[in-house]
C-alpha atoms as a PDB file:
ATOM      1  CA  MET A   1       3.682   9.257  -7.854  1.00  0.00           C
ATOM      2  CA  ILE A   2       2.705   5.609  -7.275  1.00  0.00           C
ATOM      3  CA  SER A   3       5.487   4.856  -4.807  1.00  0.00           C
ATOM      4  CA  LEU A   4       7.029   6.264  -1.628  1.00  0.00           C
ATOM      5  CA  TYR A   5      10.139   4.101  -2.106  1.00  0.00           C
ATOM      6  CA  LEU A   6      13.150   5.442  -0.262  1.00  0.00           C
ATOM      7  CA  GLY A   7      16.032   5.569  -2.687  1.00  0.00           C
ATOM      8  CA  GLN A   8      18.776   4.687  -0.285  1.00  0.00           C
ATOM      9  CA  GLN A   9      20.852   1.663   0.642  1.00  0.00           C
ATOM     10  CA  SER A  10      19.989   0.311   4.141  1.00  0.00           C
ATOM     11  CA  TRP A  11      20.260  -3.219   5.414  1.00  0.00           C
ATOM     12  CA  LEU A  12      16.555  -3.664   4.807  1.00  0.00           C
ATOM     13  CA  HIS A  13      16.749  -2.439   1.220  1.00  0.00           C
ATOM     14  CA  ARG A  14      19.292  -5.217   0.542  1.00  0.00           C
ATOM     15  CA  ARG A  15      17.033  -8.039   1.784  1.00  0.00           C
ATOM     16  CA  PRO A  16      15.210  -9.987  -0.999  1.00  0.00           C
ATOM     17  CA  ALA A  17      11.583  -8.821  -1.611  1.00  0.00           C
ATOM     18  CA  GLY A  18      10.233 -12.385  -1.345  1.00  0.00           C
ATOM     19  CA  LEU A  19      11.775 -12.783   2.183  1.00  0.00           C
ATOM     20  CA  LYS A  20      10.245  -9.496   3.345  1.00  0.00           C
ATOM     21  CA  LEU A  21       6.834 -10.425   2.040  1.00  0.00           C
ATOM     22  CA  LEU A  22       6.964 -13.876   3.557  1.00  0.00           C
ATOM     23  CA  SER A  23       8.070 -12.320   6.881  1.00  0.00           C
ATOM     24  CA  LEU A  24       5.125  -9.896   6.690  1.00  0.00           C
ATOM     25  CA  ALA A  25       2.653 -12.785   6.085  1.00  0.00           C
ATOM     26  CA  ALA A  26       4.228 -14.921   8.878  1.00  0.00           C
ATOM     27  CA  ILE A  27       4.087 -12.063  11.390  1.00  0.00           C
ATOM     28  CA  SER A  28       0.523 -11.113  10.344  1.00  0.00           C
ATOM     29  CA  ILE A  29      -0.517 -14.669  11.177  1.00  0.00           C
ATOM     30  CA  GLY A  30       1.557 -14.918  14.253  1.00  0.00           C
ATOM     31  CA  LEU A  31       0.251 -11.645  15.837  1.00  0.00           C
ATOM     32  CA  TYR A  32      -3.369 -12.861  15.720  1.00  0.00           C
ATOM     33  CA  PHE A  33      -2.428 -15.518  18.324  1.00  0.00           C
ATOM     34  CA  VAL A  34      -1.168 -12.876  20.733  1.00  0.00           C
ATOM     35  CA  SER A  35      -3.849 -11.757  23.127  1.00  0.00           C
ATOM     36  CA  HIS A  36      -1.891  -9.758  25.721  1.00  0.00           C
ATOM     37  CA  PRO A  37      -1.324  -5.984  25.135  1.00  0.00           C
ATOM     38  CA  PHE A  38       2.119  -6.138  26.643  1.00  0.00           C
ATOM     39  CA  TRP A  39       3.494  -8.450  23.989  1.00  0.00           C
ATOM     40  CA  MET A  40       1.691  -6.439  21.294  1.00  0.00           C
ATOM     41  CA  LEU A  41       3.332  -3.272  22.611  1.00  0.00           C
ATOM     42  CA  ALA A  42       6.676  -5.105  22.423  1.00  0.00           C
ATOM     43  CA  ALA A  43       5.911  -6.006  18.767  1.00  0.00           C
ATOM     44  CA  LEU A  44       5.069  -2.435  17.955  1.00  0.00           C
ATOM     45  CA  LEU A  45       8.287  -1.079  19.620  1.00  0.00           C
ATOM     46  CA  ALA A  46      10.264  -3.630  17.633  1.00  0.00           C
ATOM     47  CA  VAL A  47       8.803  -2.368  14.323  1.00  0.00           C
ATOM     48  CA  LEU A  48       9.550   1.250  15.336  1.00  0.00           C
ATOM     49  CA  ALA A  49      13.120   0.092  15.973  1.00  0.00           C
ATOM     50  CA  LEU A  50      13.242  -1.215  12.465  1.00  0.00           C
ATOM     51  CA  TYR A  51      12.233   2.139  11.251  1.00  0.00           C
ATOM     52  CA  ALA A  52      14.993   3.812  13.156  1.00  0.00           C
ATOM     53  CA  SER A  53      17.534   1.258  11.835  1.00  0.00           C
ATOM     54  CA  VAL A  54      16.659   2.276   8.268  1.00  0.00           C
ATOM     55  CA  GLY A  55      17.285   5.987   8.956  1.00  0.00           C
ATOM     56  CA  ARG A  56      15.644   9.356   9.524  1.00  0.00           C
ATOM     57  CA  GLN A  57      13.853   9.336   6.204  1.00  0.00           C
ATOM     58  CA  ALA A  58      11.867   6.211   7.228  1.00  0.00           C
ATOM     59  CA  LEU A  59      11.084   7.770  10.561  1.00  0.00           C
ATOM     60  CA  ARG A  60       9.734  10.862   8.802  1.00  0.00           C
ATOM     61  CA  GLN A  61       7.278   8.630   6.896  1.00  0.00           C
ATOM     62  CA  LEU A  62       5.521   7.790  10.183  1.00  0.00           C
ATOM     63  CA  ARG A  63       3.639  11.139  10.012  1.00  0.00           C
ATOM     64  CA  LEU A  64       1.800   9.876   6.982  1.00  0.00           C
ATOM     65  CA  LEU A  65       0.021   7.392   9.135  1.00  0.00           C
ATOM     66  CA  ARG A  66      -1.608  10.040  11.360  1.00  0.00           C
ATOM     67  CA  PRO A  67      -4.918   9.969   9.601  1.00  0.00           C
ATOM     68  CA  LEU A  68      -5.283   6.458  10.900  1.00  0.00           C
ATOM     69  CA  LEU A  69      -5.255   7.604  14.514  1.00  0.00           C
ATOM     70  CA  PHE A  70      -8.946   8.568  14.313  1.00  0.00           C
ATOM     71  CA  LEU A  71      -9.942   5.243  12.916  1.00  0.00           C
ATOM     72  CA  PHE A  72      -7.888   3.335  15.547  1.00  0.00           C
ATOM     73  CA  ALA A  73      -9.493   5.427  18.312  1.00  0.00           C
ATOM     74  CA  ILE A  74     -12.990   4.403  17.057  1.00  0.00           C
ATOM     75  CA  MET A  75     -11.858   0.783  16.855  1.00  0.00           C
ATOM     76  CA  PHE A  76     -10.425   0.929  20.436  1.00  0.00           C
ATOM     77  CA  LEU A  77     -13.679   2.468  21.835  1.00  0.00           C
ATOM     78  CA  VAL A  78     -15.879  -0.055  20.210  1.00  0.00           C
ATOM     79  CA  GLN A  79     -13.736  -2.938  21.229  1.00  0.00           C
ATOM     80  CA  TRP A  80     -13.414  -1.572  24.794  1.00  0.00           C
ATOM     81  CA  TRP A  81     -17.200  -1.189  25.009  1.00  0.00           C
ATOM     82  CA  SER A  82     -17.994  -4.622  23.562  1.00  0.00           C
ATOM     83  CA  VAL A  83     -15.193  -6.870  24.866  1.00  0.00           C
ATOM     84  CA  GLY A  84     -12.962  -5.023  27.349  1.00  0.00           C
ATOM     85  CA  LEU A  85      -9.961  -2.683  27.778  1.00  0.00           C
ATOM     86  CA  ALA A  86      -7.330  -5.286  27.217  1.00  0.00           C
ATOM     87  CA  ALA A  87      -8.892  -6.580  24.006  1.00  0.00           C
ATOM     88  CA  GLY A  88      -9.278  -2.935  22.710  1.00  0.00           C
ATOM     89  CA  LEU A  89      -5.602  -2.238  23.409  1.00  0.00           C
ATOM     90  CA  THR A  90      -4.547  -5.459  21.776  1.00  0.00           C
ATOM     91  CA  LEU A  91      -6.528  -4.870  18.674  1.00  0.00           C
ATOM     92  CA  VAL A  92      -5.247  -1.314  18.115  1.00  0.00           C
ATOM     93  CA  LEU A  93      -1.629  -2.253  18.845  1.00  0.00           C
ATOM     94  CA  ARG A  94      -1.898  -5.200  16.440  1.00  0.00           C
ATOM     95  CA  MET A  95      -3.397  -3.135  13.642  1.00  0.00           C
ATOM     96  CA  SER A  96      -0.772  -0.354  14.178  1.00  0.00           C
ATOM     97  CA  THR A  97       2.112  -2.932  14.056  1.00  0.00           C
ATOM     98  CA  LEU A  98       0.895  -4.511  10.873  1.00  0.00           C
ATOM     99  CA  VAL A  99       0.202  -1.169   9.069  1.00  0.00           C
ATOM    100  CA  LEU A 100       3.614   0.138  10.091  1.00  0.00           C
ATOM    101  CA  LEU A 101       5.371  -3.098   9.046  1.00  0.00           C
ATOM    102  CA  ALA A 102       3.570  -3.179   5.658  1.00  0.00           C
ATOM    103  CA  ASN A 103       4.434   0.511   5.051  1.00  0.00           C
ATOM    104  CA  LEU A 104       8.063  -0.173   5.992  1.00  0.00           C
ATOM    105  CA  ILE A 105       8.212  -2.841   3.273  1.00  0.00           C
ATOM    106  CA  THR A 106       6.814  -0.488   0.646  1.00  0.00           C
ATOM    107  CA  LEU A 107       9.443   2.068   1.709  1.00  0.00           C
ATOM    108  CA  THR A 108      12.375  -0.419   1.207  1.00  0.00           C
ATOM    109  CA  THR A 109      11.217  -2.585  -1.699  1.00  0.00           C
ATOM    110  CA  ARG A 110      11.074  -1.575  -5.424  1.00  0.00           C
ATOM    111  CA  MET A 111       7.933  -2.386  -7.318  1.00  0.00           C
ATOM    112  CA  ASP A 112       9.718  -4.538  -9.855  1.00  0.00           C
ATOM    113  CA  ALA A 113      11.354  -6.629  -7.066  1.00  0.00           C
ATOM    114  CA  MET A 114       7.920  -7.042  -5.467  1.00  0.00           C
ATOM    115  CA  MET A 115       6.445  -8.148  -8.775  1.00  0.00           C
ATOM    116  CA  SER A 116       9.277 -10.662  -9.308  1.00  0.00           C
ATOM    117  CA  ALA A 117       8.612 -12.117  -5.825  1.00  0.00           C
ATOM    118  CA  ILE A 118       4.877 -12.388  -6.331  1.00  0.00           C
ATOM    119  CA  THR A 119       4.769 -13.673  -9.939  1.00  0.00           C
ATOM    120  CA  PRO A 120       6.084 -17.280  -9.214  1.00  0.00           C
ATOM    121  CA  LEU A 121       3.325 -17.794  -6.629  1.00  0.00           C
ATOM    122  CA  LEU A 122       0.697 -16.995  -9.277  1.00  0.00           C
ATOM    123  CA  LEU A 123       2.027 -19.307 -11.948  1.00  0.00           C
ATOM    124  CA  PRO A 124      -0.765 -21.876 -11.365  1.00  0.00           C
ATOM    125  CA  LEU A 125      -3.276 -19.211 -12.638  1.00  0.00           C
ATOM    126  CA  ARG A 126      -2.039 -19.885 -16.186  1.00  0.00           C
ATOM    127  CA  LEU A 127      -4.033 -23.114 -16.090  1.00  0.00           C
ATOM    128  CA  VAL A 128      -7.170 -21.023 -16.132  1.00  0.00           C
ATOM    129  CA  GLY A 129      -5.941 -18.574 -18.789  1.00  0.00           C
ATOM    130  CA  THR A 130      -4.910 -15.748 -16.459  1.00  0.00           C
ATOM    131  CA  ASP A 131      -1.563 -13.929 -16.866  1.00  0.00           C
ATOM    132  CA  PRO A 132       0.296 -14.125 -13.542  1.00  0.00           C
ATOM    133  CA  ALA A 133       2.334 -10.995 -14.411  1.00  0.00           C
ATOM    134  CA  ARG A 134      -0.861  -8.893 -14.507  1.00  0.00           C
ATOM    135  CA  ILE A 135      -2.104 -10.104 -11.160  1.00  0.00           C
ATOM    136  CA  ALA A 136       1.322  -9.576  -9.638  1.00  0.00           C
ATOM    137  CA  PHE A 137       1.354  -6.077 -10.917  1.00  0.00           C
ATOM    138  CA  ALA A 138      -2.110  -5.394  -9.538  1.00  0.00           C
ATOM    139  CA  VAL A 139      -1.105  -6.617  -6.102  1.00  0.00           C
ATOM    140  CA  ALA A 140       2.119  -4.606  -6.150  1.00  0.00           C
ATOM    141  CA  LEU A 141       0.200  -1.540  -7.312  1.00  0.00           C
ATOM    142  CA  VAL A 142      -2.329  -1.906  -4.509  1.00  0.00           C
ATOM    143  CA  ILE A 143       0.442  -2.267  -1.969  1.00  0.00           C
ATOM    144  CA  ARG A 144       2.152   0.828  -3.305  1.00  0.00           C
ATOM    145  CA  PHE A 145      -1.056   2.892  -3.479  1.00  0.00           C
ATOM    146  CA  ILE A 146      -1.766   2.490   0.268  1.00  0.00           C
ATOM    147  CA  PRO A 147       0.912   4.826   1.621  1.00  0.00           C
ATOM    148  CA  VAL A 148       0.324   7.272  -1.284  1.00  0.00           C
ATOM    149  CA  LEU A 149      -3.338   7.500  -0.433  1.00  0.00           C
ATOM    150  CA  LEU A 150      -2.527   7.955   3.201  1.00  0.00           C
ATOM    151  CA  ALA A 151      -0.222  10.906   2.219  1.00  0.00           C
ATOM    152  CA  GLN A 152      -3.049  12.406   0.169  1.00  0.00           C
ATOM    153  CA  LEU A 153      -5.442  12.038   3.113  1.00  0.00           C
ATOM    154  CA  HIS A 154      -2.845  13.615   5.477  1.00  0.00           C
ATOM    155  CA  GLY A 155      -2.448  16.556   3.067  1.00  0.00           C
ATOM    156  CA  LEU A 156      -6.266  17.078   2.817  1.00  0.00           C
ATOM    157  CA  LYS A 157      -6.587  16.840   6.619  1.00  0.00           C
ATOM    158  CA  GLU A 158      -3.859  19.511   7.154  1.00  0.00           C
ATOM    159  CA  ALA A 159      -5.542  21.852   4.681  1.00  0.00           C
ATOM    160  CA  TRP A 160      -8.873  21.242   6.370  1.00  0.00           C
ATOM    161  CA  THR A 161      -7.356  22.104   9.795  1.00  0.00           C
ATOM    162  CA  VAL A 162      -5.701  25.274   8.557  1.00  0.00           C
ATOM    163  CA  ARG A 163      -9.018  26.451   7.065  1.00  0.00           C
ATOM    164  CA  GLY A 164     -10.806  25.907  10.317  1.00  0.00           C
ATOM    165  CA  GLY A 165     -12.812  22.911   9.318  1.00  0.00           C
ATOM    166  CA  GLY A 166     -13.268  21.665  12.825  1.00  0.00           C
ATOM    167  CA  ARG A 167     -13.872  18.088  13.809  1.00  0.00           C
ATOM    168  CA  GLN A 168     -16.104  17.175  10.838  1.00  0.00           C
ATOM    169  CA  VAL A 169     -13.426  15.177   9.190  1.00  0.00           C
ATOM    170  CA  TRP A 170     -16.002  13.004   7.415  1.00  0.00           C
ATOM    171  CA  ARG A 171     -16.475  15.836   4.942  1.00  0.00           C
ATOM    172  CA  LEU A 172     -13.072  14.911   3.440  1.00  0.00           C
ATOM    173  CA  ALA A 173     -14.530  11.638   2.057  1.00  0.00           C
ATOM    174  CA  ILE A 174     -15.718  13.337  -1.195  1.00  0.00           C
ATOM    175  CA  PRO A 175     -12.428  15.249  -2.024  1.00  0.00           C
ATOM    176  CA  MET A 176     -10.463  12.114  -1.018  1.00  0.00           C
ATOM    177  CA  THR A 177     -12.529  10.071  -3.440  1.00  0.00           C
ATOM    178  CA  ILE A 178     -11.875  12.601  -6.195  1.00  0.00           C
ATOM    179  CA  GLN A 179      -8.161  12.612  -5.452  1.00  0.00           C
ATOM    180  CA  ALA A 180      -8.114   8.765  -5.658  1.00  0.00           C
ATOM    181  CA  ILE A 181      -9.988   8.712  -8.965  1.00  0.00           C
ATOM    182  CA  ARG A 182      -7.739  11.460 -10.377  1.00  0.00           C
ATOM    183  CA  MET A 183      -4.627   9.509  -9.331  1.00  0.00           C
ATOM    184  CA  SER A 184      -5.950   6.359 -10.847  1.00  0.00           C
ATOM    185  CA  ASP A 185      -6.497   8.182 -14.130  1.00  0.00           C
ATOM    186  CA  HIS A 186      -2.942   9.494 -14.103  1.00  0.00           C
ATOM    187  CA  VAL A 187      -1.593   6.018 -13.408  1.00  0.00           C
ATOM    188  CA  ALA A 188      -3.686   4.572 -16.213  1.00  0.00           C
ATOM    189  CA  GLU A 189      -2.468   7.235 -18.651  1.00  0.00           C
ATOM    190  CA  ALA A 190       1.144   6.594 -17.536  1.00  0.00           C
ATOM    191  CA  LEU A 191       0.796   2.794 -18.118  1.00  0.00           C
ATOM    192  CA  ALA A 192      -0.906   3.373 -21.532  1.00  0.00           C
ATOM    193  CA  ALA A 193       1.911   5.686 -22.560  1.00  0.00           C
ATOM    194  CA  ARG A 194       4.453   2.968 -21.652  1.00  0.00           C
ATOM    195  CA  GLY A 195       2.491   0.252 -23.589  1.00  0.00           C
ATOM    196  CA  GLY A 196       0.964  -1.353 -20.454  1.00  0.00           C
ATOM    197  CA  ILE A 197       2.017  -4.824 -19.532  1.00  0.00           C
ATOM    198  CA  GLN A 198       2.544  -6.968 -22.587  1.00  0.00           C
ATOM    199  CA  THR A 199       3.716 -10.350 -21.500  1.00  0.00           C
ATOM    200  CA  SER A 200       2.447 -12.556 -24.386  1.00  0.00           C
ATOM    201  CA  PRO A 201       3.041 -12.047 -28.062  1.00  0.00           C
ATOM    202  CA  GLY A 202      -0.641 -12.534 -28.867  1.00  0.00           C
ATOM    203  CA  HIS A 203      -1.649  -9.720 -26.527  1.00  0.00           C
ATOM    204  CA  ALA A 204       1.081  -7.443 -27.922  1.00  0.00           C
ATOM    205  CA  THR A 205      -0.062  -8.152 -31.470  1.00  0.00           C
ATOM    206  CA  HIS A 206      -3.640  -7.467 -30.548  1.00  0.00           C
ATOM    207  CA  SER A 207      -2.715  -4.176 -28.718  1.00  0.00           C
ATOM    208  CA  SER A 208      -0.653  -3.023 -31.708  1.00  0.00           C
ATOM    209  CA  ARG A 209      -3.496  -3.783 -34.122  1.00  0.00           C
ATOM    210  CA  SER A 210      -5.952  -1.894 -31.910  1.00  0.00           C
ATOM    211  CA  HIS A 211      -3.565   0.988 -31.757  1.00  0.00           C
ATOM    212  CA  SER A 212      -3.135   0.998 -35.597  1.00  0.00           C
ATOM    213  CA  SER A 213      -6.851   0.809 -36.026  1.00  0.00           C
ATOM    214  CA  ALA A 214      -7.412   3.745 -33.709  1.00  0.00           C
ATOM    215  CA  LYS A 215      -4.786   5.766 -35.669  1.00  0.00           C
ATOM    216  CA  GLU A 216      -6.425   4.908 -39.017  1.00  0.00           C
ATOM    217  CA  SER A 217      -9.858   5.950 -37.646  1.00  0.00           C
ATOM    218  CA  HIS A 218      -8.405   9.177 -36.324  1.00  0.00           C
ATOM    219  CA  SER A 219      -6.739  10.002 -39.705  1.00  0.00           C
ATOM    220  CA  GLU A 220      -9.933   9.227 -41.613  1.00  0.00           C
ATOM    221  CA  GLY A 221     -11.898  11.480 -39.377  1.00  0.00           C
END
């Protein structure tokens, strides 16, 4: 439910999670120095070629990004009106490339591998009393949630179209918010059922004591 990971073995699946995340960061920074739409189009085509190299299942996931087309259209019109046509095309192509690339990484990287890659970078947080594993889990969960929420939005939009909702897509904001809250509740319940993330003995002891106290209170009631 919290992942659209493709359970197959492609060349991109076999690449280390850390290498993929570093590549995403480097490409994200590098693309902001590209100002010509031709080179941005070349970058977008290269990412689409990566999807094709992973297989048909990866290509099918491109349909989940359709809800973003409306947002990209607005961004393009605003940028075209305020800066110019070339700047509008560059911005939309850049955003499309980065979103597709980030989505491809979530499709080919398991959450535990992503957490293992992120955790070492957060080790200095221990100096301020923060558990790096919890922060890494939160980051990985956010990355995983993005394509899932896009899939939810795509389903709502299709249902809206079938029912003749017209162009007032903004009305989907409330049901989308409800879906997101409901999903977060399900994820929280699933994490609680599995004991959450207990990385330190003190936290585990505190959690077990709290759980025992809750049981005793329930039995007394």
